[in-house]
Amino acid sequence: MYALSIIIEQRLRYLLTSIGISFCILLMFLLLAIYKGVSYGSVEYVRSGKADLWILQEHATNILRSTSLLPSTYQEGLMKINGVRSVSPVLFILASIKLRETNASLYLTGIEPDSGIGGPPEIIRGRNILSDNEIVLDMAFAAKYKIRIGDKVPVRNDSLIVTGICTGTNMFVIQYAFISLKKAQDIIGFRYVISAYQVIAMPGADLDALRTEICSEFKNIIVYDRMTFLKNNMQEMESGIIPILFIVILISAIVLTAILSLILSVSILEKHRDFAVMKALGAPNGFIQGLVFKLSAILSASGLFFGLIFYFPVVSIVGKIAPEVATKTSPMQIVVISSCVMLISALSSILPNLNVSKIYPLEVFK
């Protein structure tokens, strides 16, 4: 294949080009993995929850960037409503703690230990909290500050014992931590305030009718079913840092297109006389254009190969250096990025092929 012979002839240049392309592709892989990690950690708490209904203060739509304050006295009245099986209050607090002379932030989540509702999505080590002097930490937070089960974490004037490490609770810039509702209320200094109620309905209950009845019975509240509340939190998550990630991915794609177009244009300039000879000898229509496309495809494929080789070690290194930068990789992500790279390969050959079309056979006789 003539395309391969061109690459072999200038193998050092094309090897360096492939490595440069691989770093663009690596960045695209890494940013998409971070996006998946952030989207998972931000909403997994809601997605994995057992609640059929979420009750918040009237203006609130989510738990990521909305403040909701409700009286804890509503719990008794909610339990009296026909169709309600259980009601579990939860209190969210954005708190700072002192760890090894460093300020660290946590999204403290106060729950009722006995209810079994509102706790961590998945505990990978240890157990959930059972008393007011215990805490469950996110895996990324624990890894970043080298905290183990049994260690004590200073929260306000108390030291809470770490009883478990959980996952699905890393929101990239901050992580969940789970404590008892009583301890959370002690921290803010208000014993009768909560952020939201998680309601589990009786089997077969009409959720729309139940939501309507709750709204008519209590003031200053809004009630969401599980899927609507999950959608609200996903929308809030996607309106934050996610657009920035996609902008960087787009810039990487543009840089990749520019690199391929430039190296192909240089190759055409160097092979200008050879292409003129091909045309003079009667090369079939589209032969030279196909040759340029093959060059672009080979470079893209080799860059994709190197990008995949570099990707997993880089993810491992990033995880050790910055545990809070959660990544999540799936085969679908690899398919999507690979398809995008092949599309970029095709687009990158357009400009060089326009230059090819301007080569005239008679130029060989100059």
Protein backbone atom coordinates (compact mmCIF):
# COMPACT_ATOMS: atom_id res chain seq x y z
CA MET A 1 0.00 0.00 0.00
CA TYR A 2 1.45 3.31 -1.13
CA ALA A 3 0.05 5.13 1.94
CA LEU A 4 2.09 2.86 4.23
CA SER A 5 5.23 3.39 2.14
CA ILE A 6 4.83 7.18 2.57
CA ILE A 7 4.53 6.75 6.34
CA ILE A 8 7.51 4.37 6.52
CA GLU A 9 9.59 6.81 4.48
CA GLN A 10 9.01 9.53 7.08
CA ARG A 11 8.45 7.21 10.06
CA LEU A 12 9.93 9.48 12.74
CA ARG A 13 7.73 12.40 11.73
CA TYR A 14 4.61 10.28 11.60
CA LEU A 15 5.44 8.57 14.88
CA LEU A 16 5.72 11.94 16.62
CA THR A 17 2.49 13.03 14.91
CA SER A 18 0.70 9.89 16.14
CA ILE A 19 1.91 10.53 19.69
CA GLY A 20 0.72 14.15 19.47
CA ILE A 21 -2.65 12.94 18.22
CA SER A 22 -2.77 10.37 21.02
CA PHE A 23 -2.47 13.10 23.66
CA CYS A 24 -5.47 14.94 22.16
CA ILE A 25 -7.42 11.68 22.17
CA LEU A 26 -6.22 10.92 25.71
CA LEU A 27 -7.56 14.28 26.88
CA MET A 28 -10.92 13.54 25.24
CA PHE A 29 -11.08 10.12 26.95
CA LEU A 30 -10.10 11.58 30.32
CA LEU A 31 -12.60 14.46 30.22
CA LEU A 32 -15.44 12.16 29.19
CA ALA A 33 -14.50 9.77 32.03
CA ILE A 34 -14.50 12.69 34.49
CA TYR A 35 -17.92 13.74 33.20
CA LYS A 36 -19.26 10.23 33.79
CA GLY A 37 -17.66 10.14 37.24
CA VAL A 38 -19.13 13.51 38.23
CA SER A 39 -22.58 12.67 36.89
CA TYR A 40 -22.52 9.36 38.77
CA GLY A 41 -21.32 10.78 42.09
CA SER A 42 -23.61 13.82 41.97
CA VAL A 43 -26.92 12.03 41.53
CA GLU A 44 -26.32 8.45 42.67
CA TYR A 45 -27.54 9.35 46.16
CA VAL A 46 -30.95 10.25 44.71
CA ARG A 47 -30.96 7.54 42.05
CA SER A 48 -30.24 4.72 44.49
CA GLY A 49 -32.63 6.01 47.17
CA LYS A 50 -35.76 4.10 48.14
CA ALA A 51 -38.00 7.15 48.51
CA ASP A 52 -41.13 7.37 46.34
CA LEU A 53 -41.59 11.07 47.14
CA TRP A 54 -39.27 13.90 48.14
CA ILE A 55 -40.66 16.83 50.16
CA LEU A 56 -38.69 20.09 50.16
CA GLN A 57 -39.25 23.75 50.90
CA GLU A 58 -41.42 25.37 48.25
CA HIS A 59 -38.70 27.16 46.25
CA ALA A 60 -36.21 24.23 46.21
CA THR A 61 -35.83 21.93 43.19
CA ASN A 62 -32.76 19.83 44.06
CA ILE A 63 -30.27 19.01 46.82
CA LEU A 64 -27.11 19.99 44.92
CA ARG A 65 -27.43 23.77 44.86
CA SER A 66 -30.73 24.56 46.57
CA THR A 67 -31.37 25.39 50.21
CA SER A 68 -34.38 23.80 51.83
CA LEU A 69 -35.48 24.25 55.46
CA LEU A 70 -38.54 22.56 56.90
CA PRO A 71 -39.78 21.99 60.47
CA SER A 72 -39.20 18.51 61.83
CA THR A 73 -42.72 18.62 63.32
CA TYR A 74 -44.17 17.79 59.89
CA GLN A 75 -43.06 14.18 60.27
CA GLU A 76 -45.84 13.20 62.66
CA GLY A 77 -48.53 14.73 60.43
CA LEU A 78 -47.13 13.05 57.32
CA MET A 79 -47.30 9.64 58.98
CA LYS A 80 -51.06 10.11 59.53
CA ILE A 81 -51.78 10.51 55.81
CA ASN A 82 -53.39 7.48 54.24
CA GLY A 83 -51.00 5.73 51.86
CA VAL A 84 -47.79 6.77 53.61
CA ARG A 85 -45.71 3.85 54.80
CA SER A 86 -42.71 5.69 56.28
CA VAL A 87 -41.26 9.19 56.52
CA SER A 88 -37.53 9.80 56.93
CA PRO A 89 -36.14 13.31 57.50
CA VAL A 90 -32.70 14.29 56.22
CA LEU A 91 -30.60 17.37 56.91
CA PHE A 92 -27.89 18.60 54.51
CA ILE A 93 -25.09 20.83 55.79
CA LEU A 94 -22.16 22.26 53.85
CA ALA A 95 -19.48 22.08 56.53
CA SER A 96 -15.76 22.74 56.90
CA ILE A 97 -13.57 20.63 59.16
CA LYS A 98 -9.92 20.81 60.19
CA LEU A 99 -7.75 17.89 59.13
CA ARG A 100 -3.99 17.94 59.67
CA GLU A 101 -3.86 21.75 59.66
CA THR A 102 -5.89 21.79 56.43
CA ASN A 103 -9.46 22.96 55.94
CA ALA A 104 -11.64 20.35 54.25
CA SER A 105 -15.25 20.64 53.13
CA LEU A 106 -17.94 18.00 53.45
CA TYR A 107 -21.58 17.75 52.46
CA LEU A 108 -22.79 16.41 55.80
CA THR A 109 -25.97 14.40 55.49
CA GLY A 110 -27.89 13.86 58.72
CA ILE A 111 -30.09 10.75 58.69
CA GLU A 112 -32.03 8.63 61.17
CA PRO A 113 -29.81 5.53 61.59
CA ASP A 114 -32.73 3.28 62.51
CA SER A 115 -34.81 4.08 59.42
CA GLY A 116 -32.45 2.60 56.84
CA ILE A 117 -33.45 5.43 54.48
CA GLY A 118 -31.26 8.26 53.19
CA GLY A 119 -27.95 6.59 53.91
CA PRO A 120 -24.98 5.98 51.59
CA PRO A 121 -25.74 4.42 48.18
CA GLU A 122 -23.08 1.74 48.70
CA ILE A 123 -20.72 1.03 51.60
CA ILE A 124 -17.56 -0.65 50.33
CA ARG A 125 -15.81 -0.99 53.70
CA GLY A 126 -17.11 -1.04 57.26
CA ARG A 127 -20.75 -0.33 58.12
CA ASN A 128 -23.33 2.42 58.30
CA ILE A 129 -23.66 4.70 61.34
CA LEU A 130 -25.51 3.39 64.39
CA SER A 131 -25.04 6.23 66.89
CA ASP A 132 -24.52 9.98 67.16
CA ASN A 133 -20.72 9.77 67.48
CA GLU A 134 -20.15 7.97 64.15
CA ILE A 135 -19.62 9.07 60.55
CA VAL A 136 -19.40 7.43 57.11
CA LEU A 137 -17.03 9.08 54.63
CA ASP A 138 -16.81 9.04 50.85
CA MET A 139 -14.03 6.88 49.41
CA ALA A 140 -12.36 9.78 47.56
CA PHE A 141 -12.37 11.99 50.66
CA ALA A 142 -10.95 9.21 52.82
CA ALA A 143 -8.22 8.46 50.27
CA LYS A 144 -7.28 12.13 49.86
CA TYR A 145 -6.79 12.67 53.60
CA LYS A 146 -5.60 9.11 54.33
CA ILE A 147 -8.44 8.35 56.74
CA ARG A 148 -9.20 4.77 57.72
CA ILE A 149 -12.03 3.03 59.51
CA GLY A 150 -11.67 3.63 63.23
CA ASP A 151 -10.01 7.02 62.82
CA LYS A 152 -11.61 10.08 64.41
CA VAL A 153 -12.74 13.10 62.39
CA PRO A 154 -13.15 16.47 64.20
CA VAL A 155 -16.56 17.98 63.45
CA ARG A 156 -17.21 21.19 65.31
CA ASN A 157 -16.39 20.40 68.98
CA ASP A 158 -16.71 16.63 68.66
CA SER A 159 -14.65 13.79 67.21
CA LEU A 160 -16.69 11.32 65.18
CA ILE A 161 -15.50 7.76 64.63
CA VAL A 162 -15.29 6.63 61.01
CA THR A 163 -17.33 3.41 60.76
CA GLY A 164 -17.63 3.07 56.98
CA ILE A 165 -16.35 4.13 53.58
CA CYS A 166 -18.91 4.62 50.82
CA THR A 167 -18.98 5.21 47.07
CA GLY A 168 -21.38 6.98 44.71
CA THR A 169 -21.08 10.13 46.82
CA ASN A 170 -18.26 12.08 45.15
CA MET A 171 -19.49 15.34 43.60
CA PHE A 172 -15.98 16.25 42.33
CA VAL A 173 -15.66 19.52 44.22
CA ILE A 174 -17.15 18.14 47.44
CA GLN A 175 -18.10 14.77 48.90
CA TYR A 176 -21.01 13.46 50.99
CA ALA A 177 -20.49 12.31 54.58
CA PHE A 178 -23.20 10.67 56.66
CA ILE A 179 -23.92 11.38 60.33
CA SER A 180 -26.97 11.04 62.57
CA LEU A 181 -29.79 13.56 62.22
CA LYS A 182 -29.44 14.52 65.89
CA LYS A 183 -25.74 15.25 65.45
CA ALA A 184 -26.44 17.32 62.31
CA GLN A 185 -29.03 19.38 64.20
CA ASP A 186 -26.57 19.90 67.05
CA ILE A 187 -23.99 21.19 64.58
CA ILE A 188 -26.27 23.92 63.18
CA GLY A 189 -27.80 24.65 66.60
CA PHE A 190 -31.45 24.07 65.61
CA ARG A 191 -33.10 20.90 66.89
CA TYR A 192 -36.32 21.17 64.90
CA VAL A 193 -35.03 21.89 61.38
CA ILE A 194 -34.51 19.46 58.51
CA SER A 195 -33.85 19.85 54.78
CA ALA A 196 -36.18 17.30 53.23
CA TYR A 197 -38.44 14.34 53.89
CA GLN A 198 -38.12 11.06 52.03
CA VAL A 199 -41.49 9.35 51.86
CA ILE A 200 -42.09 5.69 51.08
CA ALA A 201 -45.64 4.96 50.00
CA MET A 202 -47.76 1.92 50.71
CA PRO A 203 -47.64 -0.74 47.95
CA GLY A 204 -50.13 0.15 45.24
CA ALA A 205 -50.69 3.70 46.49
CA ASP A 206 -51.55 6.41 43.93
CA LEU A 207 -48.52 8.68 44.10
CA ASP A 208 -50.22 11.57 42.28
CA ALA A 209 -53.13 11.53 44.72
CA LEU A 210 -50.75 11.18 47.66
CA ARG A 211 -48.67 14.13 46.46
CA THR A 212 -51.78 16.28 46.06
CA GLU A 213 -52.99 15.43 49.56
CA ILE A 214 -49.60 16.21 51.12
CA CYS A 215 -49.46 19.59 49.36
CA SER A 216 -52.96 20.46 50.62
CA GLU A 217 -52.14 19.49 54.20
CA PHE A 218 -48.87 21.36 54.64
CA LYS A 219 -47.73 24.87 53.77
CA ASN A 220 -44.53 26.09 52.15
CA ILE A 221 -43.63 22.71 50.65
CA ILE A 222 -43.20 21.12 47.25
CA VAL A 223 -43.42 17.38 46.57
CA TYR A 224 -41.53 15.55 43.83
CA ASP A 225 -41.82 11.96 42.72
CA ARG A 226 -38.54 10.08 42.52
CA MET A 227 -37.99 10.38 38.75
CA THR A 228 -38.81 14.09 38.63
CA PHE A 229 -36.48 14.82 41.53
CA LEU A 230 -33.72 12.77 39.90
CA LYS A 231 -34.20 14.72 36.66
CA ASN A 232 -33.99 18.03 38.57
CA ASN A 233 -30.69 17.04 40.15
CA MET A 234 -29.27 15.83 36.84
CA GLN A 235 -30.18 19.13 35.18
CA GLU A 236 -28.50 21.04 38.00
CA MET A 237 -25.41 18.88 37.71
CA GLU A 238 -25.20 19.37 33.94
CA SER A 239 -25.52 23.15 34.27
CA GLY A 240 -22.44 23.40 36.47
CA ILE A 241 -18.97 22.21 35.52
CA ILE A 242 -20.13 19.87 32.76
CA PRO A 243 -20.36 22.52 29.97
CA ILE A 244 -16.72 23.43 30.65
CA LEU A 245 -15.68 19.81 30.14
CA PHE A 246 -17.47 19.64 26.80
CA ILE A 247 -15.89 22.92 25.67
CA VAL A 248 -12.42 21.50 26.40
CA ILE A 249 -13.35 18.28 24.54
CA LEU A 250 -14.46 20.39 21.56
CA ILE A 251 -11.21 22.36 21.64
CA SER A 252 -9.26 19.07 21.71
CA ALA A 253 -11.20 17.87 18.66
CA ILE A 254 -10.42 21.12 16.81
CA VAL A 255 -6.72 20.84 17.69
CA LEU A 256 -6.72 17.21 16.50
CA THR A 257 -8.33 18.24 13.19
CA ALA A 258 -5.77 21.03 12.75
CA ILE A 259 -2.81 18.68 13.44
CA LEU A 260 -4.02 16.11 10.92
CA SER A 261 -4.79 18.72 8.26
CA LEU A 262 -1.38 20.33 8.71
CA ILE A 263 0.67 17.12 8.52
CA LEU A 264 -1.30 15.90 5.48
CA SER A 265 -0.88 19.25 3.73
CA VAL A 266 2.89 19.10 4.32
CA SER A 267 2.99 15.56 2.92
CA ILE A 268 1.13 16.66 -0.21
CA LEU A 269 3.53 19.55 -0.67
CA GLU A 270 6.49 17.17 -0.45
CA LYS A 271 4.87 14.63 -2.79
CA HIS A 272 3.56 17.29 -5.17
CA ARG A 273 5.63 16.06 -8.14
CA ASP A 274 4.80 12.38 -7.44
CA PHE A 275 1.09 13.17 -7.49
CA ALA A 276 1.51 15.10 -10.76
CA VAL A 277 3.21 12.03 -12.27
CA MET A 278 0.34 9.81 -11.09
CA LYS A 279 -2.17 12.09 -12.78
CA ALA A 280 -0.06 12.23 -15.98
CA LEU A 281 0.07 8.42 -16.07
CA GLY A 282 -3.72 8.26 -15.79
CA ALA A 283 -4.35 7.47 -12.14
CA PRO A 284 -8.06 6.63 -11.66
CA ASN A 285 -10.39 9.35 -10.42
CA GLY A 286 -10.35 9.49 -6.64
CA PHE A 287 -7.17 7.43 -6.30
CA ILE A 288 -5.03 10.24 -4.89
CA GLN A 289 -7.94 11.56 -2.76
CA GLY A 290 -8.36 8.05 -1.37
CA LEU A 291 -4.64 7.94 -0.68
CA VAL A 292 -4.88 11.12 1.41
CA PHE A 293 -7.88 9.71 3.28
CA LYS A 294 -5.96 6.49 4.01
CA LEU A 295 -3.03 8.50 5.38
CA SER A 296 -5.40 10.39 7.66
CA ALA A 297 -7.10 7.17 8.79
CA ILE A 298 -3.79 5.43 9.55
CA LEU A 299 -2.54 8.39 11.60
CA SER A 300 -5.86 8.62 13.48
CA ALA A 301 -5.96 4.88 14.16
CA SER A 302 -2.37 4.84 15.44
CA GLY A 303 -3.09 7.90 17.63
CA LEU A 304 -6.19 6.15 18.98
CA PHE A 305 -4.11 3.05 19.73
CA PHE A 306 -1.47 5.03 21.65
CA GLY A 307 -4.20 7.05 23.39
CA LEU A 308 -5.83 3.88 24.73
CA ILE A 309 -2.45 2.52 25.86
CA PHE A 310 -1.69 5.75 27.77
CA TYR A 311 -5.23 6.22 29.11
CA PHE A 312 -5.47 3.59 31.84
CA PRO A 313 -2.05 4.33 33.43
CA VAL A 314 -2.90 8.06 33.39
CA VAL A 315 -6.27 7.38 35.09
CA SER A 316 -4.47 5.34 37.75
CA ILE A 317 -1.93 8.13 38.35
CA VAL A 318 -4.65 10.81 38.50
CA GLY A 319 -6.58 8.70 41.01
CA LYS A 320 -3.55 8.51 43.29
CA ILE A 321 -2.59 12.18 42.98
CA ALA A 322 -6.14 13.58 43.22
CA PRO A 323 -8.62 10.97 44.54
CA GLU A 324 -11.49 13.48 44.35
CA VAL A 325 -11.17 13.50 40.54
CA ALA A 326 -13.45 10.52 40.04
CA THR A 327 -13.46 8.85 36.62
CA LYS A 328 -15.81 6.27 35.21
CA THR A 329 -15.01 4.33 32.03
CA SER A 330 -17.29 2.14 29.94
CA PRO A 331 -16.98 0.37 26.55
CA MET A 332 -19.56 2.78 25.15
CA GLN A 333 -17.25 5.74 25.91
CA ILE A 334 -14.46 4.06 23.94
CA VAL A 335 -16.84 3.45 21.01
CA VAL A 336 -18.07 7.06 21.06
CA ILE A 337 -14.57 8.60 21.16
CA SER A 338 -13.29 6.17 18.51
CA SER A 339 -16.18 7.08 16.21
CA CYS A 340 -15.51 10.79 16.75
CA VAL A 341 -11.82 10.30 15.93
CA MET A 342 -12.68 8.53 12.66
CA LEU A 343 -15.07 11.37 11.80
CA ILE A 344 -12.31 13.89 12.56
CA SER A 345 -10.02 11.83 10.32
CA ALA A 346 -12.46 12.21 7.43
CA LEU A 347 -12.90 15.95 8.02
CA SER A 348 -9.13 16.48 8.24
CA SER A 349 -8.64 15.09 4.73
CA ILE A 350 -10.96 17.68 3.11
CA LEU A 351 -8.49 20.58 2.95
CA PRO A 352 -5.53 18.44 1.78
CA ASN A 353 -7.72 16.91 -0.94
CA LEU A 354 -8.64 20.39 -2.13
CA ASN A 355 -4.92 21.01 -2.56
CA VAL A 356 -4.60 17.71 -4.44
CA SER A 357 -7.29 18.78 -6.90
CA LYS A 358 -5.15 21.82 -7.83
CA ILE A 359 -2.26 19.66 -8.99
CA TYR A 360 -2.11 19.52 -12.81
CA PRO A 361 -0.50 16.62 -14.73
CA LEU A 362 1.47 18.99 -16.98
CA GLU A 363 3.43 20.24 -13.94
CA VAL A 364 5.61 17.12 -14.28
CA PHE A 365 7.10 18.54 -17.46
CA LYS A 366 8.26 21.80 -15.85
